[in-house]
Amino acid sequence: MKTRLTDKDGEVRELTDADVKRMRPMSEVLPVNLQRTIGQRGKQHAPTKVKTSIRLSQEVVEHFKAEGEGWQRRIDQALKQYIREHGHS
């Protein structure tokens, strides 16, 4: 028996073991041209950000993650605000 994976609002329900067993590899269900684009970012013609690694306190990370998706962007915005308020030394 096939059960819908989403409710009337489009929210995905928790997957069951039966759902997982029915899954098939992407190569069996998607055209090749679409397979190549899944999980890949487009070319950045003019990168605006620098990839870095930074250690933050658990308190800071939890605070920004609690506000939901986009938490890294919000940390970036908070740091930009700090620069505006304290100037470039």
PDB file of N, CA and C in Angstrom:
ATOM      1  N   MET A   1       0.834  -1.182   0.000  1.00  0.00           N
ATOM      2  CA  MET A   1       0.000   0.000   0.000  1.00  0.00           C
ATOM      3  C   MET A   1       0.879   1.245   0.000  1.00  0.00           C
ATOM      4  N   LYS A   2       0.620   2.156  -0.917  1.00  0.00           N
ATOM      5  CA  LYS A   2       1.393   3.390  -0.994  1.00  0.00           C
ATOM      6  C   LYS A   2       0.692   4.470  -0.188  1.00  0.00           C
ATOM      7  N   THR A   3       1.432   5.097   0.714  1.00  0.00           N
ATOM      8  CA  THR A   3       0.906   6.180   1.527  1.00  0.00           C
ATOM      9  C   THR A   3       1.603   7.457   1.113  1.00  0.00           C
ATOM     10  N   ARG A   4       0.840   8.551   1.064  1.00  0.00           N
ATOM     11  CA  ARG A   4       1.437   9.838   0.690  1.00  0.00           C
ATOM     12  C   ARG A   4       2.544  10.214   1.663  1.00  0.00           C
ATOM     13  N   LEU A   5       3.600  10.804   1.128  1.00  0.00           N
ATOM     14  CA  LEU A   5       4.711  11.236   1.966  1.00  0.00           C
ATOM     15  C   LEU A   5       4.494  12.635   2.520  1.00  0.00           C
ATOM     16  N   THR A   6       3.502  13.362   1.960  1.00  0.00           N
ATOM     17  CA  THR A   6       3.253  14.725   2.406  1.00  0.00           C
ATOM     18  C   THR A   6       1.809  14.880   2.846  1.00  0.00           C
ATOM     19  N   ASP A   7       1.592  15.850   3.747  1.00  0.00           N
ATOM     20  CA  ASP A   7       0.229  16.138   4.177  1.00  0.00           C
ATOM     21  C   ASP A   7      -0.369  17.208   3.268  1.00  0.00           C
ATOM     22  N   LYS A   8      -1.590  17.672   3.590  1.00  0.00           N
ATOM     23  CA  LYS A   8      -2.278  18.649   2.742  1.00  0.00           C
ATOM     24  C   LYS A   8      -1.525  19.970   2.632  1.00  0.00           C
ATOM     25  N   ASP A   9      -0.633  20.276   3.603  1.00  0.00           N
ATOM     26  CA  ASP A   9       0.153  21.513   3.576  1.00  0.00           C
ATOM     27  C   ASP A   9       1.495  21.332   2.881  1.00  0.00           C
ATOM     28  N   GLY A  10       1.775  20.102   2.417  1.00  0.00           N
ATOM     29  CA  GLY A  10       3.036  19.837   1.737  1.00  0.00           C
ATOM     30  C   GLY A  10       4.178  19.471   2.664  1.00  0.00           C
ATOM     31  N   GLU A  11       3.875  19.296   3.955  1.00  0.00           N
ATOM     32  CA  GLU A  11       4.912  18.904   4.915  1.00  0.00           C
ATOM     33  C   GLU A  11       5.190  17.412   4.776  1.00  0.00           C
ATOM     34  N   VAL A  12       6.458  17.038   4.751  1.00  0.00           N
ATOM     35  CA  VAL A  12       6.836  15.636   4.620  1.00  0.00           C
ATOM     36  C   VAL A  12       6.730  14.963   5.986  1.00  0.00           C
ATOM     37  N   ARG A  13       6.070  13.808   6.000  1.00  0.00           N
ATOM     38  CA  ARG A  13       5.950  13.065   7.251  1.00  0.00           C
ATOM     39  C   ARG A  13       7.221  12.263   7.509  1.00  0.00           C
ATOM     40  N   GLU A  14       7.338  11.707   8.694  1.00  0.00           N
ATOM     41  CA  GLU A  14       8.493  10.874   9.024  1.00  0.00           C
ATOM     42  C   GLU A  14       8.437   9.608   8.178  1.00  0.00           C
ATOM     43  N   LEU A  15       9.577   9.233   7.593  1.00  0.00           N
ATOM     44  CA  LEU A  15       9.624   8.045   6.744  1.00  0.00           C
ATOM     45  C   LEU A  15       9.630   6.786   7.596  1.00  0.00           C
ATOM     46  N   THR A  16       8.950   5.764   7.102  1.00  0.00           N
ATOM     47  CA  THR A  16       8.923   4.472   7.781  1.00  0.00           C
ATOM     48  C   THR A  16       9.942   3.548   7.114  1.00  0.00           C
ATOM     49  N   ASP A  17      10.194   2.390   7.727  1.00  0.00           N
ATOM     50  CA  ASP A  17      11.080   1.399   7.114  1.00  0.00           C
ATOM     51  C   ASP A  17      10.529   0.964   5.755  1.00  0.00           C
ATOM     52  N   ALA A  18       9.208   0.850   5.662  1.00  0.00           N
ATOM     53  CA  ALA A  18       8.580   0.455   4.387  1.00  0.00           C
ATOM     54  C   ALA A  18       8.833   1.511   3.305  1.00  0.00           C
ATOM     55  N   ASP A  19       8.781   2.796   3.682  1.00  0.00           N
ATOM     56  CA  ASP A  19       9.067   3.872   2.724  1.00  0.00           C
ATOM     57  C   ASP A  19      10.484   3.724   2.186  1.00  0.00           C
ATOM     58  N   VAL A  20      11.419   3.507   3.084  1.00  0.00           N
ATOM     59  CA  VAL A  20      12.833   3.415   2.698  1.00  0.00           C
ATOM     60  C   VAL A  20      13.047   2.218   1.778  1.00  0.00           C
ATOM     61  N   LYS A  21      12.389   1.094   2.064  1.00  0.00           N
ATOM     62  CA  LYS A  21      12.538  -0.101   1.227  1.00  0.00           C
ATOM     63  C   LYS A  21      12.019   0.129  -0.189  1.00  0.00           C
ATOM     64  N   ARG A  22      11.017   1.001  -0.356  1.00  0.00           N
ATOM     65  CA  ARG A  22      10.462   1.286  -1.688  1.00  0.00           C
ATOM     66  C   ARG A  22      11.322   2.265  -2.488  1.00  0.00           C
ATOM     67  N   MET A  23      12.261   2.922  -1.844  1.00  0.00           N
ATOM     68  CA  MET A  23      13.090   3.911  -2.549  1.00  0.00           C
ATOM     69  C   MET A  23      13.975   3.224  -3.584  1.00  0.00           C
ATOM     70  N   ARG A  24      14.219   3.965  -4.684  1.00  0.00           N
ATOM     71  CA  ARG A  24      15.084   3.475  -5.748  1.00  0.00           C
ATOM     72  C   ARG A  24      16.199   4.480  -5.975  1.00  0.00           C
ATOM     73  N   PRO A  25      17.310   4.044  -6.532  1.00  0.00           N
ATOM     74  CA  PRO A  25      18.428   4.963  -6.804  1.00  0.00           C
ATOM     75  C   PRO A  25      18.000   6.073  -7.760  1.00  0.00           C
ATOM     76  N   MET A  26      18.595   7.223  -7.589  1.00  0.00           N
ATOM     77  CA  MET A  26      18.306   8.373  -8.440  1.00  0.00           C
ATOM     78  C   MET A  26      18.489   8.009  -9.913  1.00  0.00           C
ATOM     79  N   SER A  27      19.476   7.179 -10.208  1.00  0.00           N
ATOM     80  CA  SER A  27      19.765   6.817 -11.601  1.00  0.00           C
ATOM     81  C   SER A  27      18.615   6.053 -12.255  1.00  0.00           C
ATOM     82  N   GLU A  28      17.731   5.463 -11.464  1.00  0.00           N
ATOM     83  CA  GLU A  28      16.597   4.720 -12.015  1.00  0.00           C
ATOM     84  C   GLU A  28      15.357   5.592 -12.229  1.00  0.00           C
ATOM     85  N   VAL A  29      15.304   6.746 -11.579  1.00  0.00           N
ATOM     86  CA  VAL A  29      14.056   7.521 -11.627  1.00  0.00           C
ATOM     87  C   VAL A  29      14.179   8.920 -12.222  1.00  0.00           C
ATOM     88  N   LEU A  30      15.398   9.433 -12.404  1.00  0.00           N
ATOM     89  CA  LEU A  30      15.564  10.778 -12.945  1.00  0.00           C
ATOM     90  C   LEU A  30      16.334  10.761 -14.253  1.00  0.00           C
ATOM     91  N   PRO A  31      16.006  11.665 -15.181  1.00  0.00           N
ATOM     92  CA  PRO A  31      16.790  11.778 -16.413  1.00  0.00           C
ATOM     93  C   PRO A  31      18.238  12.177 -16.076  1.00  0.00           C
ATOM     94  N   VAL A  32      19.171  11.765 -16.912  1.00  0.00           N
ATOM     95  CA  VAL A  32      20.593  12.019 -16.676  1.00  0.00           C
ATOM     96  C   VAL A  32      20.888  13.502 -16.495  1.00  0.00           C
ATOM     97  N   ASN A  33      20.281  14.374 -17.307  1.00  0.00           N
ATOM     98  CA  ASN A  33      20.590  15.803 -17.200  1.00  0.00           C
ATOM     99  C   ASN A  33      20.144  16.377 -15.857  1.00  0.00           C
ATOM    100  N   LEU A  34      19.095  15.831 -15.259  1.00  0.00           N
ATOM    101  CA  LEU A  34      18.663  16.299 -13.953  1.00  0.00           C
ATOM    102  C   LEU A  34      19.543  15.716 -12.848  1.00  0.00           C
ATOM    103  N   GLN A  35      19.994  14.488 -13.022  1.00  0.00           N
ATOM    104  CA  GLN A  35      20.871  13.859 -12.030  1.00  0.00           C
ATOM    105  C   GLN A  35      22.136  14.686 -11.811  1.00  0.00           C
ATOM    106  N   ARG A  36      22.650  15.265 -12.891  1.00  0.00           N
ATOM    107  CA  ARG A  36      23.887  16.041 -12.792  1.00  0.00           C
ATOM    108  C   ARG A  36      23.707  17.315 -11.990  1.00  0.00           C
ATOM    109  N   THR A  37      22.492  17.832 -11.914  1.00  0.00           N
ATOM    110  CA  THR A  37      22.282  19.108 -11.230  1.00  0.00           C
ATOM    111  C   THR A  37      21.908  18.949  -9.759  1.00  0.00           C
ATOM    112  N   ILE A  38      21.469  17.784  -9.363  1.00  0.00           N
ATOM    113  CA  ILE A  38      21.066  17.571  -7.975  1.00  0.00           C
ATOM    114  C   ILE A  38      22.292  17.673  -7.068  1.00  0.00           C
ATOM    115  N   GLY A  39      22.203  18.520  -6.059  1.00  0.00           N
ATOM    116  CA  GLY A  39      23.277  18.638  -5.082  1.00  0.00           C
ATOM    117  C   GLY A  39      24.478  19.431  -5.550  1.00  0.00           C
ATOM    118  N   GLN A  40      24.368  20.089  -6.688  1.00  0.00           N
ATOM    119  CA  GLN A  40      25.491  20.879  -7.189  1.00  0.00           C
ATOM    120  C   GLN A  40      25.096  22.343  -7.254  1.00  0.00           C
ATOM    121  N   ARG A  41      25.993  23.199  -6.794  1.00  0.00           N
ATOM    122  CA  ARG A  41      25.754  24.632  -6.901  1.00  0.00           C
ATOM    123  C   ARG A  41      26.174  25.100  -8.278  1.00  0.00           C
ATOM    124  N   GLY A  42      25.514  26.114  -8.737  1.00  0.00           N
ATOM    125  CA  GLY A  42      25.906  26.714 -10.008  1.00  0.00           C
ATOM    126  C   GLY A  42      27.241  27.438  -9.863  1.00  0.00           C
ATOM    127  N   LYS A  43      27.864  27.719 -11.009  1.00  0.00           N
ATOM    128  CA  LYS A  43      29.142  28.420 -11.007  1.00  0.00           C
ATOM    129  C   LYS A  43      28.955  29.828 -10.455  1.00  0.00           C
ATOM    130  N   GLN A  44      29.811  30.213  -9.529  1.00  0.00           N
ATOM    131  CA  GLN A  44      29.780  31.572  -9.003  1.00  0.00           C
ATOM    132  C   GLN A  44      30.686  32.422  -9.877  1.00  0.00           C
ATOM    133  N   HIS A  45      30.085  33.362 -10.595  1.00  0.00           N
ATOM    134  CA  HIS A  45      30.867  34.218 -11.480  1.00  0.00           C
ATOM    135  C   HIS A  45      31.675  35.229 -10.689  1.00  0.00           C
ATOM    136  N   ALA A  46      31.124  35.719  -9.607  1.00  0.00           N
ATOM    137  CA  ALA A  46      31.828  36.672  -8.747  1.00  0.00           C
ATOM    138  C   ALA A  46      31.519  36.294  -7.295  1.00  0.00           C
ATOM    139  N   PRO A  47      32.287  35.359  -6.730  1.00  0.00           N
ATOM    140  CA  PRO A  47      32.018  34.928  -5.358  1.00  0.00           C
ATOM    141  C   PRO A  47      31.968  36.120  -4.413  1.00  0.00           C
ATOM    142  N   THR A  48      30.964  36.135  -3.565  1.00  0.00           N
ATOM    143  CA  THR A  48      30.808  37.247  -2.637  1.00  0.00           C
ATOM    144  C   THR A  48      31.200  36.873  -1.218  1.00  0.00           C
ATOM    145  N   LYS A  49      31.442  35.593  -0.979  1.00  0.00           N
ATOM    146  CA  LYS A  49      31.805  35.148   0.367  1.00  0.00           C
ATOM    147  C   LYS A  49      33.043  34.276   0.312  1.00  0.00           C
ATOM    148  N   VAL A  50      33.713  34.173   1.431  1.00  0.00           N
ATOM    149  CA  VAL A  50      34.918  33.365   1.558  1.00  0.00           C
ATOM    150  C   VAL A  50      34.594  32.190   2.458  1.00  0.00           C
ATOM    151  N   LYS A  51      34.908  30.985   2.012  1.00  0.00           N
ATOM    152  CA  LYS A  51      34.679  29.813   2.838  1.00  0.00           C
ATOM    153  C   LYS A  51      35.764  29.769   3.915  1.00  0.00           C
ATOM    154  N   THR A  52      35.318  29.588   5.156  1.00  0.00           N
ATOM    155  CA  THR A  52      36.251  29.569   6.268  1.00  0.00           C
ATOM    156  C   THR A  52      35.747  28.605   7.331  1.00  0.00           C
ATOM    157  N   SER A  53      36.571  28.345   8.289  1.00  0.00           N
ATOM    158  CA  SER A  53      36.178  27.528   9.429  1.00  0.00           C
ATOM    159  C   SER A  53      36.405  28.378  10.672  1.00  0.00           C
ATOM    160  N   ILE A  54      35.422  28.404  11.552  1.00  0.00           N
ATOM    161  CA  ILE A  54      35.514  29.237  12.743  1.00  0.00           C
ATOM    162  C   ILE A  54      34.910  28.469  13.916  1.00  0.00           C
ATOM    163  N   ARG A  55      35.501  28.614  15.074  1.00  0.00           N
ATOM    164  CA  ARG A  55      34.966  27.977  16.279  1.00  0.00           C
ATOM    165  C   ARG A  55      34.163  29.018  17.038  1.00  0.00           C
ATOM    166  N   LEU A  56      32.900  28.685  17.295  1.00  0.00           N
ATOM    167  CA  LEU A  56      32.008  29.573  18.028  1.00  0.00           C
ATOM    168  C   LEU A  56      31.543  28.855  19.284  1.00  0.00           C
ATOM    169  N   SER A  57      31.164  29.631  20.283  1.00  0.00           N
ATOM    170  CA  SER A  57      30.656  29.010  21.508  1.00  0.00           C
ATOM    171  C   SER A  57      29.338  28.308  21.193  1.00  0.00           C
ATOM    172  N   GLN A  58      29.050  27.283  21.971  1.00  0.00           N
ATOM    173  CA  GLN A  58      27.804  26.541  21.802  1.00  0.00           C
ATOM    174  C   GLN A  58      26.612  27.473  21.985  1.00  0.00           C
ATOM    175  N   GLU A  59      26.726  28.415  22.913  1.00  0.00           N
ATOM    176  CA  GLU A  59      25.656  29.369  23.181  1.00  0.00           C
ATOM    177  C   GLU A  59      25.320  30.190  21.925  1.00  0.00           C
ATOM    178  N   VAL A  60      26.346  30.654  21.210  1.00  0.00           N
ATOM    179  CA  VAL A  60      26.130  31.458  19.996  1.00  0.00           C
ATOM    180  C   VAL A  60      25.453  30.613  18.917  1.00  0.00           C
ATOM    181  N   VAL A  61      25.969  29.424  18.680  1.00  0.00           N
ATOM    182  CA  VAL A  61      25.410  28.567  17.633  1.00  0.00           C
ATOM    183  C   VAL A  61      23.962  28.208  17.956  1.00  0.00           C
ATOM    184  N   GLU A  62      23.688  27.824  19.194  1.00  0.00           N
ATOM    185  CA  GLU A  62      22.322  27.461  19.582  1.00  0.00           C
ATOM    186  C   GLU A  62      21.366  28.643  19.420  1.00  0.00           C
ATOM    187  N   HIS A  63      21.834  29.841  19.778  1.00  0.00           N
ATOM    188  CA  HIS A  63      20.993  31.035  19.646  1.00  0.00           C
ATOM    189  C   HIS A  63      20.575  31.253  18.196  1.00  0.00           C
ATOM    190  N   PHE A  64      21.537  31.227  17.279  1.00  0.00           N
ATOM    191  CA  PHE A  64      21.225  31.487  15.876  1.00  0.00           C
ATOM    192  C   PHE A  64      20.468  30.332  15.224  1.00  0.00           C
ATOM    193  N   LYS A  65      20.795  29.087  15.587  1.00  0.00           N
ATOM    194  CA  LYS A  65      20.074  27.941  15.027  1.00  0.00           C
ATOM    195  C   LYS A  65      18.625  27.910  15.503  1.00  0.00           C
ATOM    196  N   ALA A  66      18.377  28.395  16.713  1.00  0.00           N
ATOM    197  CA  ALA A  66      17.013  28.386  17.266  1.00  0.00           C
ATOM    198  C   ALA A  66      16.067  29.238  16.430  1.00  0.00           C
ATOM    199  N   GLU A  67      16.617  30.185  15.698  1.00  0.00           N
ATOM    200  CA  GLU A  67      15.791  31.053  14.847  1.00  0.00           C
ATOM    201  C   GLU A  67      15.482  30.397  13.501  1.00  0.00           C
ATOM    202  N   GLY A  68      16.013  29.193  13.282  1.00  0.00           N
ATOM    203  CA  GLY A  68      15.689  28.446  12.061  1.00  0.00           C
ATOM    204  C   GLY A  68      16.731  28.564  10.963  1.00  0.00           C
ATOM    205  N   GLU A  69      16.293  28.162   9.782  1.00  0.00           N
ATOM    206  CA  GLU A  69      17.148  28.149   8.598  1.00  0.00           C
ATOM    207  C   GLU A  69      17.774  29.525   8.352  1.00  0.00           C
ATOM    208  N   GLY A  70      18.994  29.524   7.833  1.00  0.00           N
ATOM    209  CA  GLY A  70      19.681  30.782   7.547  1.00  0.00           C
ATOM    210  C   GLY A  70      20.517  31.275   8.713  1.00  0.00           C
ATOM    211  N   TRP A  71      20.806  30.389   9.662  1.00  0.00           N
ATOM    212  CA  TRP A  71      21.523  30.818  10.862  1.00  0.00           C
ATOM    213  C   TRP A  71      22.925  31.325  10.548  1.00  0.00           C
ATOM    214  N   GLN A  72      23.604  30.748   9.569  1.00  0.00           N
ATOM    215  CA  GLN A  72      24.951  31.217   9.233  1.00  0.00           C
ATOM    216  C   GLN A  72      24.893  32.611   8.621  1.00  0.00           C
ATOM    217  N   ARG A  73      23.871  32.853   7.801  1.00  0.00           N
ATOM    218  CA  ARG A  73      23.685  34.187   7.212  1.00  0.00           C
ATOM    219  C   ARG A  73      23.447  35.215   8.313  1.00  0.00           C
ATOM    220  N   ARG A  74      22.662  34.841   9.322  1.00  0.00           N
ATOM    221  CA  ARG A  74      22.390  35.775  10.416  1.00  0.00           C
ATOM    222  C   ARG A  74      23.650  36.070  11.239  1.00  0.00           C
ATOM    223  N   ILE A  75      24.521  35.091  11.410  1.00  0.00           N
ATOM    224  CA  ILE A  75      25.796  35.347  12.091  1.00  0.00           C
ATOM    225  C   ILE A  75      26.603  36.332  11.262  1.00  0.00           C
ATOM    226  N   ASP A  76      26.648  36.144   9.943  1.00  0.00           N
ATOM    227  CA  ASP A  76      27.350  37.062   9.056  1.00  0.00           C
ATOM    228  C   ASP A  76      26.791  38.480   9.196  1.00  0.00           C
ATOM    229  N   GLN A  77      25.464  38.591   9.236  1.00  0.00           N
ATOM    230  CA  GLN A  77      24.830  39.906   9.385  1.00  0.00           C
ATOM    231  C   GLN A  77      25.186  40.544  10.728  1.00  0.00           C
ATOM    232  N   ALA A  78      25.221  39.745  11.788  1.00  0.00           N
ATOM    233  CA  ALA A  78      25.560  40.272  13.114  1.00  0.00           C
ATOM    234  C   ALA A  78      27.005  40.784  13.136  1.00  0.00           C
ATOM    235  N   LEU A  79      27.897  40.067  12.475  1.00  0.00           N
ATOM    236  CA  LEU A  79      29.291  40.511  12.425  1.00  0.00           C
ATOM    237  C   LEU A  79      29.434  41.781  11.588  1.00  0.00           C
ATOM    238  N   LYS A  80      28.684  41.884  10.499  1.00  0.00           N
ATOM    239  CA  LYS A  80      28.707  43.117   9.703  1.00  0.00           C
ATOM    240  C   LYS A  80      28.195  44.305  10.524  1.00  0.00           C
ATOM    241  N   GLN A  81      27.153  44.067  11.308  1.00  0.00           N
ATOM    242  CA  GLN A  81      26.620  45.129  12.178  1.00  0.00           C
ATOM    243  C   GLN A  81      27.682  45.569  13.187  1.00  0.00           C
ATOM    244  N   TYR A  82      28.402  44.610  13.730  1.00  0.00           N
ATOM    245  CA  TYR A  82      29.475  44.920  14.676  1.00  0.00           C
ATOM    246  C   TYR A  82      30.525  45.818  14.005  1.00  0.00           C
ATOM    247  N   ILE A  83      30.894  45.480  12.775  1.00  0.00           N
ATOM    248  CA  ILE A  83      31.883  46.286  12.041  1.00  0.00           C
ATOM    249  C   ILE A  83      31.359  47.703  11.821  1.00  0.00           C
ATOM    250  N   ARG A  84      30.090  47.832  11.430  1.00  0.00           N
ATOM    251  CA  ARG A  84      29.511  49.159  11.224  1.00  0.00           C
ATOM    252  C   ARG A  84      29.549  49.993  12.519  1.00  0.00           C
ATOM    253  N   GLU A  85      29.261  49.352  13.630  1.00  0.00           N
ATOM    254  CA  GLU A  85      29.191  50.057  14.907  1.00  0.00           C
ATOM    255  C   GLU A  85      30.557  50.358  15.499  1.00  0.00           C
ATOM    256  N   HIS A  86      31.550  49.539  15.189  1.00  0.00           N
ATOM    257  CA  HIS A  86      32.880  49.713  15.811  1.00  0.00           C
ATOM    258  C   HIS A  86      33.941  50.161  14.817  1.00  0.00           C
ATOM    259  N   GLY A  87      33.593  50.264  13.578  1.00  0.00           N
ATOM    260  CA  GLY A  87      34.530  50.754  12.559  1.00  0.00           C
ATOM    261  C   GLY A  87      35.630  49.759  12.258  1.00  0.00           C
ATOM    262  N   HIS A  88      36.410  50.091  11.271  1.00  0.00           N
ATOM    263  CA  HIS A  88      37.559  49.273  10.877  1.00  0.00           C
ATOM    264  C   HIS A  88      38.783  49.791  11.604  1.00  0.00           C
ATOM    265  N   SER A  89      39.370  48.997  12.452  1.00  0.00           N
ATOM    266  CA  SER A  89      40.542  49.460  13.205  1.00  0.00           C
ATOM    267  C   SER A  89      41.799  49.246  12.459  1.00  0.00           C
TER     268      SER A  89
END
